[in-house]
Amino acid sequence: MPTCENYNHKRGWKQTIKKTTTLDPALTCPYCGEKQYQTQKSKTKCALLTPVILLPLLLNLFFEPGIHVLISLAVFFLLAMSLFPFLVEISNKEEYINFFDR
Protein backbone atom coordinates (compact mmCIF):
# COMPACT_ATOMS: atom_id res chain seq x y z
CA MET A 1 0.00 0.00 0.00
CA PRO A 2 1.27 3.50 -0.74
CA THR A 3 2.72 5.28 2.26
CA CYS A 4 2.94 9.05 2.76
CA GLU A 5 6.59 10.16 2.83
CA ASN A 6 5.83 12.94 5.31
CA TYR A 7 3.86 11.12 8.01
CA ASN A 8 4.25 7.40 7.12
CA HIS A 9 0.49 6.89 6.98
CA LYS A 10 -0.71 4.18 4.63
CA ARG A 11 -3.49 4.90 2.18
CA GLY A 12 -6.44 2.55 2.12
CA TRP A 13 -7.15 0.10 -0.70
CA LYS A 14 -10.30 1.94 -1.76
CA GLN A 15 -8.58 5.36 -1.67
CA THR A 16 -5.72 4.07 -3.79
CA ILE A 17 -7.96 2.53 -6.44
CA LYS A 18 -10.15 5.64 -6.55
CA LYS A 19 -7.29 8.12 -6.97
CA THR A 20 -5.12 6.13 -9.38
CA THR A 21 -7.97 5.58 -11.83
CA THR A 22 -8.53 9.31 -12.35
CA LEU A 23 -6.79 11.52 -14.89
CA ASP A 24 -5.22 13.72 -12.20
CA PRO A 25 -1.72 12.34 -11.51
CA ALA A 26 -1.51 13.91 -8.03
CA LEU A 27 -2.59 11.91 -5.01
CA THR A 28 -3.41 14.21 -2.10
CA CYS A 29 -2.56 12.73 1.28
CA PRO A 30 -5.71 12.66 3.45
CA TYR A 31 -3.60 13.23 6.59
CA CYS A 32 -1.18 16.03 5.69
CA GLY A 33 -2.78 17.44 2.52
CA GLU A 34 0.47 17.26 0.50
CA LYS A 35 0.38 16.26 -3.15
CA GLN A 36 2.22 13.06 -3.96
CA TYR A 37 2.83 11.23 -7.20
CA GLN A 38 3.17 7.63 -8.31
CA THR A 39 6.79 6.70 -9.05
CA GLN A 40 7.82 5.67 -12.55
CA LYS A 41 8.91 2.25 -11.27
CA SER A 42 5.48 1.77 -9.75
CA LYS A 43 3.74 2.80 -12.99
CA THR A 44 5.77 0.18 -14.86
CA LYS A 45 4.85 -2.57 -12.39
CA CYS A 46 1.16 -1.67 -12.60
CA ALA A 47 1.26 -1.60 -16.40
CA LEU A 48 2.41 -5.22 -16.38
CA LEU A 49 -0.92 -6.23 -14.85
CA THR A 50 -2.80 -5.33 -18.02
CA PRO A 51 -1.55 -8.30 -20.07
CA VAL A 52 -2.36 -10.61 -17.15
CA ILE A 53 -6.01 -9.59 -17.37
CA LEU A 54 -6.05 -10.45 -21.07
CA LEU A 55 -4.44 -13.90 -20.67
CA PRO A 56 -7.79 -15.74 -20.74
CA LEU A 57 -8.30 -14.54 -24.30
CA LEU A 58 -5.52 -16.95 -25.27
CA LEU A 59 -7.84 -19.76 -24.21
CA ASN A 60 -9.81 -19.06 -27.38
CA LEU A 61 -6.83 -20.31 -29.38
CA PHE A 62 -6.83 -23.71 -27.70
CA PHE A 63 -10.44 -24.28 -26.65
CA GLU A 64 -13.83 -23.54 -28.10
CA PRO A 65 -15.06 -20.09 -26.99
CA GLY A 66 -17.56 -20.27 -24.20
CA ILE A 67 -18.53 -19.12 -20.75
CA HIS A 68 -15.20 -20.24 -19.28
CA VAL A 69 -13.44 -17.37 -21.07
CA LEU A 70 -15.80 -14.78 -19.57
CA ILE A 71 -15.47 -16.30 -16.11
CA SER A 72 -11.68 -16.40 -16.32
CA LEU A 73 -11.61 -12.78 -17.58
CA ALA A 74 -13.63 -11.72 -14.53
CA VAL A 75 -11.41 -13.72 -12.16
CA PHE A 76 -8.18 -12.31 -13.63
CA PHE A 77 -9.62 -8.77 -13.53
CA LEU A 78 -10.54 -9.11 -9.85
CA LEU A 79 -7.14 -10.60 -9.08
CA ALA A 80 -5.34 -7.74 -10.82
CA MET A 81 -7.48 -5.08 -9.12
CA SER A 82 -6.86 -6.63 -5.72
CA LEU A 83 -3.06 -6.67 -6.30
CA PHE A 84 -2.85 -3.20 -7.86
CA PRO A 85 -2.78 -1.07 -4.66
CA PHE A 86 0.05 -3.18 -3.25
CA LEU A 87 2.24 -2.29 -6.24
CA VAL A 88 1.67 1.47 -6.01
CA GLU A 89 4.54 3.50 -4.56
CA ILE A 90 4.35 7.27 -4.13
CA SER A 91 6.86 10.07 -3.68
CA ASN A 92 6.73 13.82 -3.17
CA LYS A 93 8.28 14.50 -6.60
CA GLU A 94 6.58 13.94 -9.93
CA GLU A 95 8.72 11.79 -12.22
CA TYR A 96 8.66 11.89 -15.99
CA ILE A 97 10.04 9.48 -18.53
CA ASN A 98 13.12 11.00 -20.09
CA PHE A 99 13.45 9.49 -23.56
CA PHE A 100 16.40 11.65 -24.62
CA ASP A 101 18.76 11.23 -21.66
CA ARG A 102 20.71 7.99 -21.87
PDB file of N, CA and C in Angstrom:
ATOM      1  N   MET A   1       0.843  -1.179   0.000  1.00  0.00           N
ATOM      2  CA  MET A   1       0.000   0.000   0.000  1.00  0.00           C
ATOM      3  C   MET A   1       0.891   1.248   0.000  1.00  0.00           C
ATOM      4  N   PRO A   2       0.468   2.271  -0.707  1.00  0.00           N
ATOM      5  CA  PRO A   2       1.266   3.498  -0.738  1.00  0.00           C
ATOM      6  C   PRO A   2       1.316   4.165   0.632  1.00  0.00           C
ATOM      7  N   THR A   3       2.493   4.648   0.955  1.00  0.00           N
ATOM      8  CA  THR A   3       2.721   5.276   2.259  1.00  0.00           C
ATOM      9  C   THR A   3       3.167   6.715   2.054  1.00  0.00           C
ATOM     10  N   CYS A   4       2.586   7.630   2.809  1.00  0.00           N
ATOM     11  CA  CYS A   4       2.940   9.051   2.757  1.00  0.00           C
ATOM     12  C   CYS A   4       4.389   9.213   3.229  1.00  0.00           C
ATOM     13  N   GLU A   5       5.198   9.933   2.449  1.00  0.00           N
ATOM     14  CA  GLU A   5       6.590  10.156   2.830  1.00  0.00           C
ATOM     15  C   GLU A   5       6.721  11.096   4.023  1.00  0.00           C
ATOM     16  N   ASN A   6       5.741  11.956   4.229  1.00  0.00           N
ATOM     17  CA  ASN A   6       5.832  12.941   5.307  1.00  0.00           C
ATOM     18  C   ASN A   6       5.460  12.362   6.666  1.00  0.00           C
ATOM     19  N   TYR A   7       4.367  11.586   6.721  1.00  0.00           N
ATOM     20  CA  TYR A   7       3.862  11.115   8.010  1.00  0.00           C
ATOM     21  C   TYR A   7       3.800   9.601   8.137  1.00  0.00           C
ATOM     22  N   ASN A   8       4.251   8.868   7.120  1.00  0.00           N
ATOM     23  CA  ASN A   8       4.255   7.399   7.120  1.00  0.00           C
ATOM     24  C   ASN A   8       2.886   6.786   7.346  1.00  0.00           C
ATOM     25  N   HIS A   9       1.840   7.458   6.907  1.00  0.00           N
ATOM     26  CA  HIS A   9       0.488   6.893   6.977  1.00  0.00           C
ATOM     27  C   HIS A   9       0.227   6.139   5.680  1.00  0.00           C
ATOM     28  N   LYS A  10      -0.370   4.967   5.814  1.00  0.00           N
ATOM     29  CA  LYS A  10      -0.707   4.179   4.635  1.00  0.00           C
ATOM     30  C   LYS A  10      -2.080   4.584   4.126  1.00  0.00           C
ATOM     31  N   ARG A  11      -2.199   4.632   2.805  1.00  0.00           N
ATOM     32  CA  ARG A  11      -3.493   4.898   2.184  1.00  0.00           C
ATOM     33  C   ARG A  11      -4.281   3.611   2.169  1.00  0.00           C
ATOM     34  N   GLY A  12      -5.575   3.723   2.182  1.00  0.00           N
ATOM     35  CA  GLY A  12      -6.438   2.554   2.122  1.00  0.00           C
ATOM     36  C   GLY A  12      -6.538   2.001   0.703  1.00  0.00           C
ATOM     37  N   TRP A  13      -7.001   0.758   0.593  1.00  0.00           N
ATOM     38  CA  TRP A  13      -7.150   0.102  -0.697  1.00  0.00           C
ATOM     39  C   TRP A  13      -8.124   0.877  -1.583  1.00  0.00           C
ATOM     40  N   LYS A  14      -9.263   1.241  -0.999  1.00  0.00           N
ATOM     41  CA  LYS A  14     -10.300   1.940  -1.756  1.00  0.00           C
ATOM     42  C   LYS A  14      -9.813   3.322  -2.207  1.00  0.00           C
ATOM     43  N   GLN A  15      -9.118   4.044  -1.320  1.00  0.00           N
ATOM     44  CA  GLN A  15      -8.584   5.364  -1.672  1.00  0.00           C
ATOM     45  C   GLN A  15      -7.584   5.252  -2.820  1.00  0.00           C
ATOM     46  N   THR A  16      -6.745   4.239  -2.765  1.00  0.00           N
ATOM     47  CA  THR A  16      -5.717   4.066  -3.786  1.00  0.00           C
ATOM     48  C   THR A  16      -6.337   3.775  -5.138  1.00  0.00           C
ATOM     49  N   ILE A  17      -7.296   2.865  -5.190  1.00  0.00           N
ATOM     50  CA  ILE A  17      -7.961   2.535  -6.443  1.00  0.00           C
ATOM     51  C   ILE A  17      -8.676   3.768  -6.995  1.00  0.00           C
ATOM     52  N   LYS A  18      -9.364   4.486  -6.122  1.00  0.00           N
ATOM     53  CA  LYS A  18     -10.150   5.644  -6.548  1.00  0.00           C
ATOM     54  C   LYS A  18      -9.260   6.735  -7.152  1.00  0.00           C
ATOM     55  N   LYS A  19      -8.136   7.025  -6.519  1.00  0.00           N
ATOM     56  CA  LYS A  19      -7.286   8.123  -6.975  1.00  0.00           C
ATOM     57  C   LYS A  19      -6.409   7.744  -8.155  1.00  0.00           C
ATOM     58  N   THR A  20      -6.002   6.499  -8.276  1.00  0.00           N
ATOM     59  CA  THR A  20      -5.120   6.130  -9.381  1.00  0.00           C
ATOM     60  C   THR A  20      -5.881   5.857 -10.670  1.00  0.00           C
ATOM     61  N   THR A  21      -7.190   5.784 -10.609  1.00  0.00           N
ATOM     62  CA  THR A  21      -7.966   5.576 -11.828  1.00  0.00           C
ATOM     63  C   THR A  21      -8.518   6.879 -12.388  1.00  0.00           C
ATOM     64  N   THR A  22      -8.119   8.010 -11.826  1.00  0.00           N
ATOM     65  CA  THR A  22      -8.533   9.309 -12.348  1.00  0.00           C
ATOM     66  C   THR A  22      -7.456   9.860 -13.279  1.00  0.00           C
ATOM     67  N   LEU A  23      -7.763  10.917 -13.988  1.00  0.00           N
ATOM     68  CA  LEU A  23      -6.789  11.522 -14.890  1.00  0.00           C
ATOM     69  C   LEU A  23      -5.804  12.438 -14.181  1.00  0.00           C
ATOM     70  N   ASP A  24      -6.111  12.861 -12.967  1.00  0.00           N
ATOM     71  CA  ASP A  24      -5.222  13.723 -12.200  1.00  0.00           C
ATOM     72  C   ASP A  24      -4.082  12.874 -11.637  1.00  0.00           C
ATOM     73  N   PRO A  25      -2.823  13.177 -11.982  1.00  0.00           N
ATOM     74  CA  PRO A  25      -1.718  12.343 -11.509  1.00  0.00           C
ATOM     75  C   PRO A  25      -1.373  12.543 -10.037  1.00  0.00           C
ATOM     76  N   ALA A  26      -1.845  13.627  -9.424  1.00  0.00           N
ATOM     77  CA  ALA A  26      -1.507  13.914  -8.031  1.00  0.00           C
ATOM     78  C   ALA A  26      -2.437  13.170  -7.082  1.00  0.00           C
ATOM     79  N   LEU A  27      -1.838  12.560  -6.082  1.00  0.00           N
ATOM     80  CA  LEU A  27      -2.590  11.913  -5.010  1.00  0.00           C
ATOM     81  C   LEU A  27      -2.426  12.794  -3.779  1.00  0.00           C
ATOM     82  N   THR A  28      -3.482  13.350  -3.273  1.00  0.00           N
ATOM     83  CA  THR A  28      -3.408  14.205  -2.098  1.00  0.00           C
ATOM     84  C   THR A  28      -3.512  13.344  -0.857  1.00  0.00           C
ATOM     85  N   CYS A  29      -2.555  13.500   0.044  1.00  0.00           N
ATOM     86  CA  CYS A  29      -2.556  12.726   1.282  1.00  0.00           C
ATOM     87  C   CYS A  29      -3.728  13.180   2.155  1.00  0.00           C
ATOM     88  N   PRO A  30      -4.573  12.258   2.625  1.00  0.00           N
ATOM     89  CA  PRO A  30      -5.708  12.657   3.453  1.00  0.00           C
ATOM     90  C   PRO A  30      -5.299  13.132   4.853  1.00  0.00           C
ATOM     91  N   TYR A  31      -4.060  12.869   5.238  1.00  0.00           N
ATOM     92  CA  TYR A  31      -3.604  13.230   6.587  1.00  0.00           C
ATOM     93  C   TYR A  31      -2.882  14.571   6.624  1.00  0.00           C
ATOM     94  N   CYS A  32      -1.947  14.782   5.659  1.00  0.00           N
ATOM     95  CA  CYS A  32      -1.175  16.027   5.689  1.00  0.00           C
ATOM     96  C   CYS A  32      -1.569  17.005   4.591  1.00  0.00           C
ATOM     97  N   GLY A  33      -2.321  16.570   3.593  1.00  0.00           N
ATOM     98  CA  GLY A  33      -2.780  17.439   2.524  1.00  0.00           C
ATOM     99  C   GLY A  33      -1.751  17.700   1.434  1.00  0.00           C
ATOM    100  N   GLU A  34      -0.572  17.076   1.513  1.00  0.00           N
ATOM    101  CA  GLU A  34       0.468  17.260   0.501  1.00  0.00           C
ATOM    102  C   GLU A  34       0.156  16.453  -0.753  1.00  0.00           C
ATOM    103  N   LYS A  35       0.555  16.984  -1.908  1.00  0.00           N
ATOM    104  CA  LYS A  35       0.379  16.256  -3.153  1.00  0.00           C
ATOM    105  C   LYS A  35       1.548  15.289  -3.328  1.00  0.00           C
ATOM    106  N   GLN A  36       1.208  14.079  -3.716  1.00  0.00           N
ATOM    107  CA  GLN A  36       2.216  13.065  -3.957  1.00  0.00           C
ATOM    108  C   GLN A  36       1.917  12.397  -5.284  1.00  0.00           C
ATOM    109  N   TYR A  37       2.939  11.775  -5.858  1.00  0.00           N
ATOM    110  CA  TYR A  37       2.826  11.233  -7.203  1.00  0.00           C
ATOM    111  C   TYR A  37       3.320   9.795  -7.239  1.00  0.00           C
ATOM    112  N   GLN A  38       2.753   9.020  -8.147  1.00  0.00           N
ATOM    113  CA  GLN A  38       3.167   7.634  -8.314  1.00  0.00           C
ATOM    114  C   GLN A  38       4.539   7.612  -8.988  1.00  0.00           C
ATOM    115  N   THR A  39       5.451   6.768  -8.480  1.00  0.00           N
ATOM    116  CA  THR A  39       6.786   6.696  -9.053  1.00  0.00           C
ATOM    117  C   THR A  39       6.745   6.011 -10.413  1.00  0.00           C
ATOM    118  N   GLN A  40       7.766   6.263 -11.223  1.00  0.00           N
ATOM    119  CA  GLN A  40       7.824   5.668 -12.552  1.00  0.00           C
ATOM    120  C   GLN A  40       7.977   4.149 -12.461  1.00  0.00           C
ATOM    121  N   LYS A  41       8.739   3.690 -11.482  1.00  0.00           N
ATOM    122  CA  LYS A  41       8.911   2.247 -11.273  1.00  0.00           C
ATOM    123  C   LYS A  41       7.569   1.595 -10.935  1.00  0.00           C
ATOM    124  N   SER A  42       6.793   2.263 -10.140  1.00  0.00           N
ATOM    125  CA  SER A  42       5.477   1.768  -9.755  1.00  0.00           C
ATOM    126  C   SER A  42       4.526   1.735 -10.949  1.00  0.00           C
ATOM    127  N   LYS A  43       4.590   2.757 -11.794  1.00  0.00           N
ATOM    128  CA  LYS A  43       3.741   2.801 -12.986  1.00  0.00           C
ATOM    129  C   LYS A  43       4.070   1.626 -13.913  1.00  0.00           C
ATOM    130  N   THR A  44       5.348   1.292 -14.017  1.00  0.00           N
ATOM    131  CA  THR A  44       5.767   0.180 -14.864  1.00  0.00           C
ATOM    132  C   THR A  44       5.243  -1.142 -14.313  1.00  0.00           C
ATOM    133  N   LYS A  45       5.351  -1.331 -13.012  1.00  0.00           N
ATOM    134  CA  LYS A  45       4.845  -2.567 -12.391  1.00  0.00           C
ATOM    135  C   LYS A  45       3.345  -2.712 -12.619  1.00  0.00           C
ATOM    136  N   CYS A  46       2.621  -1.633 -12.443  1.00  0.00           N
ATOM    137  CA  CYS A  46       1.164  -1.674 -12.600  1.00  0.00           C
ATOM    138  C   CYS A  46       0.766  -1.914 -14.048  1.00  0.00           C
ATOM    139  N   ALA A  47       1.565  -1.399 -14.982  1.00  0.00           N
ATOM    140  CA  ALA A  47       1.264  -1.601 -16.396  1.00  0.00           C
ATOM    141  C   ALA A  47       1.420  -3.062 -16.798  1.00  0.00           C
ATOM    142  N   LEU A  48       2.230  -3.805 -16.079  1.00  0.00           N
ATOM    143  CA  LEU A  48       2.414  -5.225 -16.383  1.00  0.00           C
ATOM    144  C   LEU A  48       1.196  -6.061 -15.998  1.00  0.00           C
ATOM    145  N   LEU A  49       0.298  -5.505 -15.206  1.00  0.00           N
ATOM    146  CA  LEU A  49      -0.922  -6.232 -14.848  1.00  0.00           C
ATOM    147  C   LEU A  49      -1.924  -6.297 -16.001  1.00  0.00           C
ATOM    148  N   THR A  50      -1.849  -5.356 -16.916  1.00  0.00           N
ATOM    149  CA  THR A  50      -2.804  -5.334 -18.023  1.00  0.00           C
ATOM    150  C   THR A  50      -2.745  -6.595 -18.880  1.00  0.00           C
ATOM    151  N   PRO A  51      -1.565  -7.060 -19.292  1.00  0.00           N
ATOM    152  CA  PRO A  51      -1.547  -8.302 -20.073  1.00  0.00           C
ATOM    153  C   PRO A  51      -2.044  -9.518 -19.281  1.00  0.00           C
ATOM    154  N   VAL A  52      -1.883  -9.491 -17.975  1.00  0.00           N
ATOM    155  CA  VAL A  52      -2.360 -10.610 -17.149  1.00  0.00           C
ATOM    156  C   VAL A  52      -3.877 -10.719 -17.235  1.00  0.00           C
ATOM    157  N   ILE A  53      -4.547  -9.587 -17.278  1.00  0.00           N
ATOM    158  CA  ILE A  53      -6.005  -9.587 -17.372  1.00  0.00           C
ATOM    159  C   ILE A  53      -6.451 -10.203 -18.702  1.00  0.00           C
ATOM    160  N   LEU A  54      -5.665  -9.982 -19.735  1.00  0.00           N
ATOM    161  CA  LEU A  54      -6.049 -10.449 -21.066  1.00  0.00           C
ATOM    162  C   LEU A  54      -5.602 -11.885 -21.368  1.00  0.00           C
ATOM    163  N   LEU A  55      -4.888 -12.523 -20.458  1.00  0.00           N
ATOM    164  CA  LEU A  55      -4.444 -13.904 -20.672  1.00  0.00           C
ATOM    165  C   LEU A  55      -5.570 -14.884 -21.003  1.00  0.00           C
ATOM    166  N   PRO A  56      -6.723 -14.787 -20.390  1.00  0.00           N
ATOM    167  CA  PRO A  56      -7.786 -15.741 -20.737  1.00  0.00           C
ATOM    168  C   PRO A  56      -8.210 -15.698 -22.199  1.00  0.00           C
ATOM    169  N   LEU A  57      -7.939 -14.597 -22.879  1.00  0.00           N
ATOM    170  CA  LEU A  57      -8.295 -14.539 -24.295  1.00  0.00           C
ATOM    171  C   LEU A  57      -7.471 -15.537 -25.114  1.00  0.00           C
ATOM    172  N   LEU A  58      -6.317 -15.939 -24.589  1.00  0.00           N
ATOM    173  CA  LEU A  58      -5.519 -16.951 -25.266  1.00  0.00           C
ATOM    174  C   LEU A  58      -6.196 -18.317 -25.231  1.00  0.00           C
ATOM    175  N   LEU A  59      -7.107 -18.495 -24.273  1.00  0.00           N
ATOM    176  CA  LEU A  59      -7.841 -19.759 -24.209  1.00  0.00           C
ATOM    177  C   LEU A  59      -8.651 -19.995 -25.475  1.00  0.00           C
ATOM    178  N   ASN A  60      -9.046 -18.934 -26.131  1.00  0.00           N
ATOM    179  CA  ASN A  60      -9.809 -19.063 -27.378  1.00  0.00           C
ATOM    180  C   ASN A  60      -8.994 -19.753 -28.469  1.00  0.00           C
ATOM    181  N   LEU A  61      -7.670 -19.658 -28.381  1.00  0.00           N
ATOM    182  CA  LEU A  61      -6.830 -20.311 -29.379  1.00  0.00           C
ATOM    183  C   LEU A  61      -6.821 -21.827 -29.216  1.00  0.00           C
ATOM    184  N   PHE A  62      -6.959 -22.286 -27.976  1.00  0.00           N
ATOM    185  CA  PHE A  62      -6.828 -23.712 -27.700  1.00  0.00           C
ATOM    186  C   PHE A  62      -8.157 -24.415 -27.444  1.00  0.00           C
ATOM    187  N   PHE A  63      -9.136 -23.694 -26.982  1.00  0.00           N
ATOM    188  CA  PHE A  63     -10.436 -24.281 -26.651  1.00  0.00           C
ATOM    189  C   PHE A  63     -11.538 -23.557 -27.410  1.00  0.00           C
ATOM    190  N   GLU A  64     -12.662 -24.163 -27.471  1.00  0.00           N
ATOM    191  CA  GLU A  64     -13.825 -23.545 -28.097  1.00  0.00           C
ATOM    192  C   GLU A  64     -14.301 -22.389 -27.213  1.00  0.00           C
ATOM    193  N   PRO A  65     -14.604 -21.219 -27.803  1.00  0.00           N
ATOM    194  CA  PRO A  65     -15.065 -20.087 -26.990  1.00  0.00           C
ATOM    195  C   PRO A  65     -16.335 -20.448 -26.224  1.00  0.00           C
ATOM    196  N   GLY A  66     -16.389 -19.988 -25.010  1.00  0.00           N
ATOM    197  CA  GLY A  66     -17.564 -20.272 -24.196  1.00  0.00           C
ATOM    198  C   GLY A  66     -17.564 -19.431 -22.941  1.00  0.00           C
ATOM    199  N   ILE A  67     -18.365 -19.856 -22.003  1.00  0.00           N
ATOM    200  CA  ILE A  67     -18.531 -19.117 -20.750  1.00  0.00           C
ATOM    201  C   ILE A  67     -17.257 -19.143 -19.903  1.00  0.00           C
ATOM    202  N   HIS A  68     -16.425 -20.166 -20.074  1.00  0.00           N
ATOM    203  CA  HIS A  68     -15.203 -20.243 -19.277  1.00  0.00           C
ATOM    204  C   HIS A  68     -14.261 -19.073 -19.554  1.00  0.00           C
ATOM    205  N   VAL A  69     -14.284 -18.529 -20.750  1.00  0.00           N
ATOM    206  CA  VAL A  69     -13.445 -17.375 -21.072  1.00  0.00           C
ATOM    207  C   VAL A  69     -13.943 -16.142 -20.320  1.00  0.00           C
ATOM    208  N   LEU A  70     -15.245 -15.927 -20.296  1.00  0.00           N
ATOM    209  CA  LEU A  70     -15.798 -14.780 -19.565  1.00  0.00           C
ATOM    210  C   LEU A  70     -15.554 -14.899 -18.069  1.00  0.00           C
ATOM    211  N   ILE A  71     -15.704 -16.096 -17.541  1.00  0.00           N
ATOM    212  CA  ILE A  71     -15.474 -16.299 -16.109  1.00  0.00           C
ATOM    213  C   ILE A  71     -14.001 -16.064 -15.772  1.00  0.00           C
ATOM    214  N   SER A  72     -13.111 -16.590 -16.595  1.00  0.00           N
ATOM    215  CA  SER A  72     -11.684 -16.405 -16.323  1.00  0.00           C
ATOM    216  C   SER A  72     -11.278 -14.937 -16.498  1.00  0.00           C
ATOM    217  N   LEU A  73     -11.876 -14.219 -17.448  1.00  0.00           N
ATOM    218  CA  LEU A  73     -11.606 -12.784 -17.578  1.00  0.00           C
ATOM    219  C   LEU A  73     -12.007 -12.038 -16.303  1.00  0.00           C
ATOM    220  N   ALA A  74     -13.172 -12.369 -15.762  1.00  0.00           N
ATOM    221  CA  ALA A  74     -13.633 -11.721 -14.530  1.00  0.00           C
ATOM    222  C   ALA A  74     -12.720 -12.057 -13.360  1.00  0.00           C
ATOM    223  N   VAL A  75     -12.283 -13.305 -13.264  1.00  0.00           N
ATOM    224  CA  VAL A  75     -11.405 -13.720 -12.162  1.00  0.00           C
ATOM    225  C   VAL A  75     -10.056 -13.014 -12.256  1.00  0.00           C
ATOM    226  N   PHE A  76      -9.468 -12.975 -13.451  1.00  0.00           N
ATOM    227  CA  PHE A  76      -8.178 -12.306 -13.626  1.00  0.00           C
ATOM    228  C   PHE A  76      -8.295 -10.800 -13.382  1.00  0.00           C
ATOM    229  N   PHE A  77      -9.412 -10.200 -13.781  1.00  0.00           N
ATOM    230  CA  PHE A  77      -9.615  -8.773 -13.531  1.00  0.00           C
ATOM    231  C   PHE A  77      -9.682  -8.491 -12.027  1.00  0.00           C
ATOM    232  N   LEU A  78     -10.448  -9.296 -11.295  1.00  0.00           N
ATOM    233  CA  LEU A  78     -10.544  -9.107  -9.847  1.00  0.00           C
ATOM    234  C   LEU A  78      -9.208  -9.355  -9.159  1.00  0.00           C
ATOM    235  N   LEU A  79      -8.462 -10.334  -9.635  1.00  0.00           N
ATOM    236  CA  LEU A  79      -7.143 -10.601  -9.079  1.00  0.00           C
ATOM    237  C   LEU A  79      -6.197  -9.419  -9.301  1.00  0.00           C
ATOM    238  N   ALA A  80      -6.200  -8.881 -10.508  1.00  0.00           N
ATOM    239  CA  ALA A  80      -5.336  -7.740 -10.821  1.00  0.00           C
ATOM    240  C   ALA A  80      -5.731  -6.504 -10.015  1.00  0.00           C
ATOM    241  N   MET A  81      -7.031  -6.254  -9.891  1.00  0.00           N
ATOM    242  CA  MET A  81      -7.478  -5.083  -9.125  1.00  0.00           C
ATOM    243  C   MET A  81      -7.176  -5.228  -7.634  1.00  0.00           C
ATOM    244  N   SER A  82      -7.179  -6.439  -7.132  1.00  0.00           N
ATOM    245  CA  SER A  82      -6.856  -6.628  -5.715  1.00  0.00           C
ATOM    246  C   SER A  82      -5.356  -6.487  -5.468  1.00  0.00           C
ATOM    247  N   LEU A  83      -4.514  -6.807  -6.451  1.00  0.00           N
ATOM    248  CA  LEU A  83      -3.064  -6.670  -6.297  1.00  0.00           C
ATOM    249  C   LEU A  83      -2.567  -5.259  -6.589  1.00  0.00           C
ATOM    250  N   PHE A  84      -3.283  -4.523  -7.390  1.00  0.00           N
ATOM    251  CA  PHE A  84      -2.849  -3.204  -7.857  1.00  0.00           C
ATOM    252  C   PHE A  84      -2.406  -2.252  -6.742  1.00  0.00           C
ATOM    253  N   PRO A  85      -3.196  -2.035  -5.676  1.00  0.00           N
ATOM    254  CA  PRO A  85      -2.778  -1.071  -4.655  1.00  0.00           C
ATOM    255  C   PRO A  85      -1.491  -1.468  -3.927  1.00  0.00           C
ATOM    256  N   PHE A  86      -1.169  -2.747  -3.920  1.00  0.00           N
ATOM    257  CA  PHE A  86       0.050  -3.182  -3.247  1.00  0.00           C
ATOM    258  C   PHE A  86       1.292  -2.905  -4.087  1.00  0.00           C
ATOM    259  N   LEU A  87       1.122  -2.614  -5.359  1.00  0.00           N
ATOM    260  CA  LEU A  87       2.239  -2.291  -6.239  1.00  0.00           C
ATOM    261  C   LEU A  87       2.491  -0.794  -6.349  1.00  0.00           C
ATOM    262  N   VAL A  88       1.555   0.013  -5.880  1.00  0.00           N
ATOM    263  CA  VAL A  88       1.669   1.471  -6.005  1.00  0.00           C
ATOM    264  C   VAL A  88       2.634   2.008  -4.954  1.00  0.00           C
ATOM    265  N   GLU A  89       3.597   2.791  -5.428  1.00  0.00           N
ATOM    266  CA  GLU A  89       4.536   3.504  -4.557  1.00  0.00           C
ATOM    267  C   GLU A  89       4.419   4.985  -4.897  1.00  0.00           C
ATOM    268  N   ILE A  90       4.494   5.833  -3.878  1.00  0.00           N
ATOM    269  CA  ILE A  90       4.353   7.270  -4.126  1.00  0.00           C
ATOM    270  C   ILE A  90       5.553   8.024  -3.569  1.00  0.00           C
ATOM    271  N   SER A  91       5.802   9.192  -4.161  1.00  0.00           N
ATOM    272  CA  SER A  91       6.865  10.072  -3.684  1.00  0.00           C
ATOM    273  C   SER A  91       6.370  11.509  -3.766  1.00  0.00           C
ATOM    274  N   ASN A  92       7.123  12.409  -3.175  1.00  0.00           N
ATOM    275  CA  ASN A  92       6.735  13.819  -3.171  1.00  0.00           C
ATOM    276  C   ASN A  92       7.032  14.507  -4.498  1.00  0.00           C
ATOM    277  N   LYS A  93       7.905  13.901  -5.321  1.00  0.00           N
ATOM    278  CA  LYS A  93       8.279  14.499  -6.605  1.00  0.00           C
ATOM    279  C   LYS A  93       7.568  13.772  -7.737  1.00  0.00           C
ATOM    280  N   GLU A  94       7.170  14.533  -8.750  1.00  0.00           N
ATOM    281  CA  GLU A  94       6.578  13.938  -9.934  1.00  0.00           C
ATOM    282  C   GLU A  94       7.700  13.548 -10.887  1.00  0.00           C
ATOM    283  N   GLU A  95       7.681  12.298 -11.327  1.00  0.00           N
ATOM    284  CA  GLU A  95       8.723  11.791 -12.220  1.00  0.00           C
ATOM    285  C   GLU A  95       8.168  11.691 -13.631  1.00  0.00           C
ATOM    286  N   TYR A  96       9.020  11.989 -14.584  1.00  0.00           N
ATOM    287  CA  TYR A  96       8.658  11.894 -15.991  1.00  0.00           C
ATOM    288  C   TYR A  96       9.608  10.911 -16.665  1.00  0.00           C
ATOM    289  N   ILE A  97       9.154  10.327 -17.746  1.00  0.00           N
ATOM    290  CA  ILE A  97      10.037   9.478 -18.529  1.00  0.00           C
ATOM    291  C   ILE A  97      10.903  10.379 -19.386  1.00  0.00           C
ATOM    292  N   ASN A  98      12.206  10.208 -19.301  1.00  0.00           N
ATOM    293  CA  ASN A  98      13.124  11.000 -20.094  1.00  0.00           C
ATOM    294  C   ASN A  98      13.642  10.133 -21.236  1.00  0.00           C
ATOM    295  N   PHE A  99      13.074  10.301 -22.409  1.00  0.00           N
ATOM    296  CA  PHE A  99      13.454   9.489 -23.556  1.00  0.00           C
ATOM    297  C   PHE A  99      14.788   9.906 -24.167  1.00  0.00           C
ATOM    298  N   PHE A 100      15.230  11.134 -23.932  1.00  0.00           N
ATOM    299  CA  PHE A 100      16.397  11.651 -24.617  1.00  0.00           C
ATOM    300  C   PHE A 100      17.664  11.546 -23.799  1.00  0.00           C
ATOM    301  N   ASP A 101      17.597  11.323 -22.515  1.00  0.00           N
ATOM    302  CA  ASP A 101      18.765  11.232 -21.655  1.00  0.00           C
ATOM    303  C   ASP A 101      19.147   9.778 -21.479  1.00  0.00           C
ATOM    304  N   ARG A 102      20.267   9.392 -21.996  1.00  0.00           N
ATOM    305  CA  ARG A 102      20.708   7.987 -21.871  1.00  0.00           C
ATOM    306  C   ARG A 102      22.077   7.913 -21.305  1.00  0.00           C
TER     307      ARG A 102
END
